[in-house]
PDB file of N, CA and C in Angstrom:
ATOM      1  N   MET A   1      27.884 -81.892-123.818  1.00  0.00           N
ATOM      2  CA  MET A   1      28.181 -80.964-123.522  1.00  0.00           C
ATOM      3  C   MET A   1      27.350 -80.181-124.869  1.00  0.00           C
ATOM      4  N   GLN A   2      26.596 -79.152-124.713  1.00  0.00           N
ATOM      5  CA  GLN A   2      25.722 -77.994-124.945  1.00  0.00           C
ATOM      6  C   GLN A   2      26.563 -77.569-126.748  1.00  0.00           C
ATOM      7  N   GLU A   3      25.265 -77.427-127.354  1.00  0.00           N
ATOM      8  CA  GLU A   3      25.625 -76.671-128.322  1.00  0.00           C
ATOM      9  C   GLU A   3      26.090 -75.628-128.354  1.00  0.00           C
ATOM     10  N   THR A   4      25.328 -74.656-127.488  1.00  0.00           N
ATOM     11  CA  THR A   4      25.800 -72.833-127.065  1.00  0.00           C
ATOM     12  C   THR A   4      27.335 -72.704-126.593  1.00  0.00           C
ATOM     13  N   ASP A   5      27.709 -73.690-125.258  1.00  0.00           N
ATOM     14  CA  ASP A   5      28.697 -74.013-124.985  1.00  0.00           C
ATOM     15  C   ASP A   5      30.044 -73.710-125.997  1.00  0.00           C
ATOM     16  N   PHE A   6      30.095 -75.428-126.976  1.00  0.00           N
ATOM     17  CA  PHE A   6      30.424 -75.520-127.847  1.00  0.00           C
ATOM     18  C   PHE A   6      31.061 -74.454-128.905  1.00  0.00           C
ATOM     19  N   ARG A   7      29.847 -73.756-129.230  1.00  0.00           N
ATOM     20  CA  ARG A   7      30.142 -72.703-130.140  1.00  0.00           C
ATOM     21  C   ARG A   7      30.738 -71.311-129.096  1.00  0.00           C
ATOM     22  N   GLU A   8      30.557 -70.889-128.681  1.00  0.00           N
ATOM     23  CA  GLU A   8      30.969 -70.563-127.801  1.00  0.00           C
ATOM     24  C   GLU A   8      32.669 -70.252-127.219  1.00  0.00           C
ATOM     25  N   VAL A   9      32.926 -71.387-126.780  1.00  0.00           N
ATOM     26  CA  VAL A   9      34.664 -71.764-127.411  1.00  0.00           C
ATOM     27  C   VAL A   9      35.031 -71.847-128.247  1.00  0.00           C
ATOM     28  N   ALA A  10      34.322 -72.041-129.300  1.00  0.00           N
ATOM     29  CA  ALA A  10      34.969 -72.185-130.857  1.00  0.00           C
ATOM     30  C   ALA A  10      35.164 -70.597-131.242  1.00  0.00           C
ATOM     31  N   ASP A  11      34.142 -70.310-130.805  1.00  0.00           N
ATOM     32  CA  ASP A  11      34.076 -67.962-130.922  1.00  0.00           C
ATOM     33  C   ASP A  11      34.878 -67.616-130.414  1.00  0.00           C
ATOM     34  N   GLU A  12      35.748 -68.321-129.073  1.00  0.00           N
ATOM     35  CA  GLU A  12      37.364 -67.520-128.442  1.00  0.00           C
ATOM     36  C   GLU A  12      38.741 -67.816-129.138  1.00  0.00           C
ATOM     37  N   PHE A  13      38.517 -69.059-129.936  1.00  0.00           N
ATOM     38  CA  PHE A  13      39.669 -69.811-130.775  1.00  0.00           C
ATOM     39  C   PHE A  13      39.187 -68.625-131.928  1.00  0.00           C
ATOM     40  N   ILE A  14      38.189 -68.198-132.990  1.00  0.00           N
ATOM     41  CA  ILE A  14      37.886 -67.402-133.746  1.00  0.00           C
ATOM     42  C   ILE A  14      38.664 -65.564-133.206  1.00  0.00           C
ATOM     43  N   HIS A  15      37.958 -65.079-132.276  1.00  0.00           N
ATOM     44  CA  HIS A  15      38.816 -64.490-131.983  1.00  0.00           C
ATOM     45  C   HIS A  15      40.293 -64.219-132.270  1.00  0.00           C
ATOM     46  N   LEU A  16      40.289 -65.210-130.858  1.00  0.00           N
ATOM     47  CA  LEU A  16      42.007 -64.634-130.883  1.00  0.00           C
ATOM     48  C   LEU A  16      42.804 -64.835-132.946  1.00  0.00           C
ATOM     49  N   ALA A  17      42.560 -65.615-133.469  1.00  0.00           N
ATOM     50  CA  ALA A  17      42.837 -66.122-135.286  1.00  0.00           C
ATOM     51  C   ALA A  17      42.271 -64.337-135.154  1.00  0.00           C
ATOM     52  N   ASN A  18      41.599 -63.576-135.075  1.00  0.00           N
ATOM     53  CA  ASN A  18      40.934 -62.411-136.110  1.00  0.00           C
ATOM     54  C   ASN A  18      41.939 -61.330-134.908  1.00  0.00           C
ATOM     55  N   ASP A  19      42.223 -61.731-133.822  1.00  0.00           N
ATOM     56  CA  ASP A  19      43.517 -60.343-133.297  1.00  0.00           C
ATOM     57  C   ASP A  19      44.936 -60.651-133.628  1.00  0.00           C
ATOM     58  N   LEU A  20      45.069 -61.893-133.696  1.00  0.00           N
ATOM     59  CA  LEU A  20      46.387 -62.442-133.667  1.00  0.00           C
ATOM     60  C   LEU A  20      46.553 -62.056-135.632  1.00  0.00           C
ATOM     61  N   SER A  21      45.518 -61.917-136.491  1.00  0.00           N
ATOM     62  CA  SER A  21      45.902 -61.416-138.475  1.00  0.00           C
ATOM     63  C   SER A  21      46.338 -60.315-138.435  1.00  0.00           C
ATOM     64  N   GLU A  22      45.994 -59.233-137.783  1.00  0.00           N
ATOM     65  CA  GLU A  22      46.617 -57.954-136.829  1.00  0.00           C
ATOM     66  C   GLU A  22      48.312 -58.246-137.391  1.00  0.00           C
ATOM     67  N   GLU A  23      48.925 -59.037-136.871  1.00  0.00           N
ATOM     68  CA  GLU A  23      50.024 -58.963-137.153  1.00  0.00           C
ATOM     69  C   GLU A  23      50.614 -60.766-138.112  1.00  0.00           C
ATOM     70  N   TRP A  24      49.226 -61.577-138.145  1.00  0.00           N
ATOM     71  CA  TRP A  24      50.715 -62.839-139.252  1.00  0.00           C
ATOM     72  C   TRP A  24      49.048 -62.976-140.320  1.00  0.00           C
ATOM     73  N   ALA A  25      49.540 -63.188-141.113  1.00  0.00           N
ATOM     74  CA  ALA A  25      49.248 -63.653-142.365  1.00  0.00           C
ATOM     75  C   ALA A  25      48.080 -64.866-142.331  1.00  0.00           C
ATOM     76  N   MET A  26      46.897 -64.792-142.874  1.00  0.00           N
ATOM     77  CA  MET A  26      46.048 -65.849-142.999  1.00  0.00           C
ATOM     78  C   MET A  26      46.781 -67.492-142.977  1.00  0.00           C
ATOM     79  N   PRO A  27      47.008 -67.079-144.786  1.00  0.00           N
ATOM     80  CA  PRO A  27      47.620 -68.528-144.664  1.00  0.00           C
ATOM     81  C   PRO A  27      48.209 -68.838-143.008  1.00  0.00           C
ATOM     82  N   PHE A  28      49.354 -68.193-143.057  1.00  0.00           N
ATOM     83  CA  PHE A  28      49.874 -69.108-141.606  1.00  0.00           C
ATOM     84  C   PHE A  28      49.619 -68.933-140.604  1.00  0.00           C
ATOM     85  N   LEU A  29      48.479 -68.334-139.813  1.00  0.00           N
ATOM     86  CA  LEU A  29      47.519 -68.308-138.958  1.00  0.00           C
ATOM     87  C   LEU A  29      46.614 -69.641-139.214  1.00  0.00           C
ATOM     88  N   SER A  30      46.806 -70.057-139.778  1.00  0.00           N
ATOM     89  CA  SER A  30      45.410 -71.358-140.515  1.00  0.00           C
ATOM     90  C   SER A  30      46.743 -72.084-140.470  1.00  0.00           C
ATOM     91  N   ALA A  31      47.534 -72.324-140.842  1.00  0.00           N
ATOM     92  CA  ALA A  31      47.860 -73.514-140.462  1.00  0.00           C
ATOM     93  C   ALA A  31      48.582 -74.127-138.858  1.00  0.00           C
ATOM     94  N   ALA A  32      48.994 -72.730-138.238  1.00  0.00           N
ATOM     95  CA  ALA A  32      49.592 -72.572-136.827  1.00  0.00           C
ATOM     96  C   ALA A  32      48.284 -73.075-136.014  1.00  0.00           C
ATOM     97  N   PHE A  33      46.653 -72.680-136.665  1.00  0.00           N
ATOM     98  CA  PHE A  33      45.799 -73.209-135.697  1.00  0.00           C
ATOM     99  C   PHE A  33      45.801 -74.796-136.317  1.00  0.00           C
ATOM    100  N   MET A  34      46.022 -75.162-137.003  1.00  0.00           N
ATOM    101  CA  MET A  34      46.125 -76.742-137.588  1.00  0.00           C
ATOM    102  C   MET A  34      46.600 -77.205-136.745  1.00  0.00           C
ATOM    103  N   TYR A  35      48.013 -76.936-137.054  1.00  0.00           N
ATOM    104  CA  TYR A  35      49.020 -77.768-136.024  1.00  0.00           C
ATOM    105  C   TYR A  35      48.588 -77.815-134.769  1.00  0.00           C
ATOM    106  N   ALA A  36      48.426 -76.653-133.624  1.00  0.00           N
ATOM    107  CA  ALA A  36      47.652 -76.198-132.521  1.00  0.00           C
ATOM    108  C   ALA A  36      46.930 -77.773-131.725  1.00  0.00           C
ATOM    109  N   ALA A  37      45.425 -77.380-133.677  1.00  0.00           N
ATOM    110  CA  ALA A  37      44.479 -78.664-132.947  1.00  0.00           C
ATOM    111  C   ALA A  37      45.213 -80.144-132.333  1.00  0.00           C
ATOM    112  N   ALA A  38      46.156 -80.404-133.592  1.00  0.00           N
ATOM    113  CA  ALA A  38      47.020 -81.501-133.718  1.00  0.00           C
ATOM    114  C   ALA A  38      47.452 -82.094-132.939  1.00  0.00           C
ATOM    115  N   TRP A  39      48.122 -80.840-131.304  1.00  0.00           N
ATOM    116  CA  TRP A  39      48.883 -80.713-130.611  1.00  0.00           C
ATOM    117  C   TRP A  39      47.833 -81.518-129.910  1.00  0.00           C
ATOM    118  N   TYR A  40      47.270 -80.775-129.493  1.00  0.00           N
ATOM    119  CA  TYR A  40      46.140 -80.881-128.424  1.00  0.00           C
ATOM    120  C   TYR A  40      45.290 -81.559-128.284  1.00  0.00           C
ATOM    121  N   ASN A  41      44.731 -82.867-129.304  1.00  0.00           N
ATOM    122  CA  ASN A  41      43.698 -83.162-129.609  1.00  0.00           C
ATOM    123  C   ASN A  41      45.422 -84.993-129.925  1.00  0.00           C
ATOM    124  N   THR A  42      46.618 -84.869-130.548  1.00  0.00           N
ATOM    125  CA  THR A  42      47.433 -85.770-129.458  1.00  0.00           C
ATOM    126  C   THR A  42      47.699 -85.984-127.829  1.00  0.00           C
ATOM    127  N   HIS A  43      47.897 -84.742-127.061  1.00  0.00           N
ATOM    128  CA  HIS A  43      48.020 -84.676-125.804  1.00  0.00           C
ATOM    129  C   HIS A  43      46.519 -85.174-125.258  1.00  0.00           C
ATOM    130  N   PHE A  44      45.242 -85.114-125.664  1.00  0.00           N
ATOM    131  CA  PHE A  44      44.390 -85.635-125.319  1.00  0.00           C
ATOM    132  C   PHE A  44      43.943 -87.428-125.373  1.00  0.00           C
ATOM    133  N   PHE A  45      44.413 -87.473-126.973  1.00  0.00           N
ATOM    134  CA  PHE A  45      44.822 -89.012-126.421  1.00  0.00           C
ATOM    135  C   PHE A  45      45.634 -89.820-126.288  1.00  0.00           C
ATOM    136  N   PHE A  46      46.735 -88.721-125.971  1.00  0.00           N
ATOM    137  CA  PHE A  46      47.526 -89.839-124.964  1.00  0.00           C
ATOM    138  C   PHE A  46      46.792 -89.715-123.577  1.00  0.00           C
ATOM    139  N   GLU A  47      46.143 -88.363-123.045  1.00  0.00           N
ATOM    140  CA  GLU A  47      45.684 -88.964-121.154  1.00  0.00           C
ATOM    141  C   GLU A  47      44.468 -89.858-121.567  1.00  0.00           C
ATOM    142  N   SER A  48      44.083 -90.102-122.143  1.00  0.00           N
ATOM    143  CA  SER A  48      42.970 -90.501-122.180  1.00  0.00           C
ATOM    144  C   SER A  48      42.736 -92.537-123.007  1.00  0.00           C
ATOM    145  N   ASP A  49      43.596 -92.455-123.705  1.00  0.00           N
ATOM    146  CA  ASP A  49      43.823 -93.743-124.196  1.00  0.00           C
ATOM    147  C   ASP A  49      45.445 -94.043-124.530  1.00  0.00           C
ATOM    148  N   GLY A  50      46.083 -93.939-125.636  1.00  0.00           N
ATOM    149  CA  GLY A  50      46.926 -94.079-125.933  1.00  0.00           C
ATOM    150  C   GLY A  50      48.107 -94.761-126.219  1.00  0.00           C
ATOM    151  N   ALA A  51      46.394 -96.190-126.202  1.00  0.00           N
ATOM    152  CA  ALA A  51      47.540 -97.286-126.794  1.00  0.00           C
ATOM    153  C   ALA A  51      47.843 -97.368-128.688  1.00  0.00           C
ATOM    154  N   SER A  52      48.947 -97.251-128.447  1.00  0.00           N
ATOM    155  CA  SER A  52      49.607 -97.794-129.956  1.00  0.00           C
ATOM    156  C   SER A  52      48.530 -98.634-130.588  1.00  0.00           C
ATOM    157  N   ASP A  53      47.718 -99.192-130.213  1.00  0.00           N
ATOM    158  CA  ASP A  53      46.717 -99.984-131.263  1.00  0.00           C
ATOM    159  C   ASP A  53      45.302 -98.802-131.665  1.00  0.00           C
ATOM    160  N   ASN A  54      44.957 -97.833-130.737  1.00  0.00           N
ATOM    161  CA  ASN A  54      44.630 -97.447-131.215  1.00  0.00           C
ATOM    162  C   ASN A  54      44.633 -96.187-131.874  1.00  0.00           C
ATOM    163  N   GLN A  55      46.176 -96.189-132.173  1.00  0.00           N
ATOM    164  CA  GLN A  55      46.130 -94.302-132.796  1.00  0.00           C
ATOM    165  C   GLN A  55      45.616 -93.877-134.498  1.00  0.00           C
ATOM    166  N   LEU A  56      45.847 -95.080-135.002  1.00  0.00           N
ATOM    167  CA  LEU A  56      45.311 -94.848-136.629  1.00  0.00           C
ATOM    168  C   LEU A  56      43.967 -94.327-135.986  1.00  0.00           C
ATOM    169  N   ALA A  57      42.754 -95.773-135.988  1.00  0.00           N
ATOM    170  CA  ALA A  57      41.680 -95.255-135.283  1.00  0.00           C
ATOM    171  C   ALA A  57      41.200 -93.629-135.180  1.00  0.00           C
ATOM    172  N   ALA A  58      42.270 -93.037-133.757  1.00  0.00           N
ATOM    173  CA  ALA A  58      41.918 -91.961-133.179  1.00  0.00           C
ATOM    174  C   ALA A  58      42.089 -90.765-134.162  1.00  0.00           C
ATOM    175  N   VAL A  59      43.194 -91.637-135.199  1.00  0.00           N
ATOM    176  CA  VAL A  59      43.732 -90.104-136.375  1.00  0.00           C
ATOM    177  C   VAL A  59      42.713 -90.171-137.443  1.00  0.00           C
ATOM    178  N   ASP A  60      41.820 -91.503-137.838  1.00  0.00           N
ATOM    179  CA  ASP A  60      40.427 -91.340-138.565  1.00  0.00           C
ATOM    180  C   ASP A  60      39.315 -90.589-138.117  1.00  0.00           C
ATOM    181  N   TYR A  61      39.238 -91.094-136.558  1.00  0.00           N
ATOM    182  CA  TYR A  61      37.854 -90.272-136.214  1.00  0.00           C
ATOM    183  C   TYR A  61      38.465 -88.770-136.438  1.00  0.00           C
ATOM    184  N   TYR A  62      39.431 -87.904-136.006  1.00  0.00           N
ATOM    185  CA  TYR A  62      39.778 -86.749-135.811  1.00  0.00           C
ATOM    186  C   TYR A  62      39.856 -86.141-137.270  1.00  0.00           C
ATOM    187  N   CYS A  63      40.228 -87.021-138.393  1.00  0.00           N
ATOM    188  CA  CYS A  63      39.996 -86.359-139.742  1.00  0.00           C
ATOM    189  C   CYS A  63      38.210 -86.731-140.016  1.00  0.00           C
ATOM    190  N   ASP A  64      38.236 -87.069-140.057  1.00  0.00           N
ATOM    191  CA  ASP A  64      36.524 -87.578-140.062  1.00  0.00           C
ATOM    192  C   ASP A  64      35.649 -86.277-139.802  1.00  0.00           C
ATOM    193  N   GLN A  65      36.146 -85.946-137.702  1.00  0.00           N
ATOM    194  CA  GLN A  65      35.623 -84.969-137.832  1.00  0.00           C
ATOM    195  C   GLN A  65      35.609 -83.813-138.813  1.00  0.00           C
ATOM    196  N   TYR A  66      36.924 -83.228-138.593  1.00  0.00           N
ATOM    197  CA  TYR A  66      37.165 -82.167-139.435  1.00  0.00           C
ATOM    198  C   TYR A  66      36.615 -81.699-140.700  1.00  0.00           C
ATOM    199  N   ARG A  67      36.627 -82.725-141.123  1.00  0.00           N
ATOM    200  CA  ARG A  67      36.137 -82.755-142.621  1.00  0.00           C
ATOM    201  C   ARG A  67      34.606 -82.282-142.071  1.00  0.00           C
ATOM    202  N   LYS A  68      34.097 -83.445-141.565  1.00  0.00           N
ATOM    203  CA  LYS A  68      32.315 -82.992-141.208  1.00  0.00           C
ATOM    204  C   LYS A  68      32.509 -81.468-140.800  1.00  0.00           C
ATOM    205  N   MET A  69      32.719 -80.801-140.260  1.00  0.00           N
ATOM    206  CA  MET A  69      33.508 -79.449-139.726  1.00  0.00           C
ATOM    207  C   MET A  69      33.123 -78.473-140.298  1.00  0.00           C
ATOM    208  N   LEU A  70      34.361 -78.817-141.560  1.00  0.00           N
ATOM    209  CA  LEU A  70      34.821 -77.716-142.484  1.00  0.00           C
ATOM    210  C   LEU A  70      33.611 -78.065-143.926  1.00  0.00           C
ATOM    211  N   MET A  71      32.883 -78.840-143.601  1.00  0.00           N
ATOM    212  CA  MET A  71      32.334 -78.919-144.573  1.00  0.00           C
ATOM    213  C   MET A  71      30.961 -78.459-144.125  1.00  0.00           C
ATOM    214  N   GLU A  72      30.325 -78.142-142.717  1.00  0.00           N
ATOM    215  CA  GLU A  72      29.251 -77.231-142.150  1.00  0.00           C
ATOM    216  C   GLU A  72      29.507 -76.034-142.201  1.00  0.00           C
ATOM    217  N   CYS A  73      31.118 -75.889-141.864  1.00  0.00           N
ATOM    218  CA  CYS A  73      31.252 -74.307-142.062  1.00  0.00           C
ATOM    219  C   CYS A  73      31.077 -73.728-143.244  1.00  0.00           C
ATOM    220  N   MET A  74      31.925 -74.349-144.271  1.00  0.00           N
ATOM    221  CA  MET A  74      31.861 -74.148-145.726  1.00  0.00           C
ATOM    222  C   MET A  74      30.384 -73.891-146.002  1.00  0.00           C
ATOM    223  N   HIS A  75      29.519 -74.874-145.744  1.00  0.00           N
ATOM    224  CA  HIS A  75      28.168 -74.695-146.163  1.00  0.00           C
ATOM    225  C   HIS A  75      27.192 -73.023-145.531  1.00  0.00           C
ATOM    226  N   ASP A  76      27.817 -73.771-144.214  1.00  0.00           N
ATOM    227  CA  ASP A  76      26.695 -72.108-144.065  1.00  0.00           C
ATOM    228  C   ASP A  76      27.360 -70.744-143.959  1.00  0.00           C
ATOM    229  N   PHE A  77      28.984 -70.467-144.533  1.00  0.00           N
ATOM    230  CA  PHE A  77      29.680 -69.553-144.966  1.00  0.00           C
ATOM    231  C   PHE A  77      28.836 -69.441-146.356  1.00  0.00           C
ATOM    232  N   SER A  78      28.528 -70.668-147.368  1.00  0.00           N
ATOM    233  CA  SER A  78      28.250 -69.692-148.687  1.00  0.00           C
ATOM    234  C   SER A  78      26.848 -69.301-148.537  1.00  0.00           C
ATOM    235  N   THR A  79      26.417 -70.043-147.827  1.00  0.00           N
ATOM    236  CA  THR A  79      24.889 -69.761-147.660  1.00  0.00           C
ATOM    237  C   THR A  79      24.768 -68.075-147.467  1.00  0.00           C
ATOM    238  N   THR A  80      25.124 -68.128-146.224  1.00  0.00           N
ATOM    239  CA  THR A  80      25.066 -66.627-145.521  1.00  0.00           C
ATOM    240  C   THR A  80      25.622 -65.399-146.444  1.00  0.00           C
ATOM    241  N   ALA A  81      26.900 -65.758-146.818  1.00  0.00           N
ATOM    242  CA  ALA A  81      27.616 -64.905-148.284  1.00  0.00           C
ATOM    243  C   ALA A  81      26.703 -64.494-149.478  1.00  0.00           C
ATOM    244  N   LYS A  82      25.635 -65.366-149.728  1.00  0.00           N
ATOM    245  CA  LYS A  82      24.919 -65.842-150.776  1.00  0.00           C
ATOM    246  C   LYS A  82      23.407 -64.564-150.010  1.00  0.00           C
ATOM    247  N   SER A  83      23.341 -64.276-148.265  1.00  0.00           N
ATOM    248  CA  SER A  83      22.541 -63.460-148.217  1.00  0.00           C
ATOM    249  C   SER A  83      22.990 -61.677-148.434  1.00  0.00           C
TER     250      SER A  83
END
């Protein structure tokens, strides 16, 4: 997967969130998007592996990835906001 494709798909979700923010509050949307990501990643896990022995490792993986992405976005946002 190329970085530009990844960002393009992520931007589609951000645009959807921005559109939905005209009707829904940001905290509500944030929680709904996290829930949707959890649901989608659960579906992906069970389609690709699904072994009960691997569920905790999968949760750890997704949590670690989210933490890394969140920290990267916060760094990028704070750097951009200061400019």
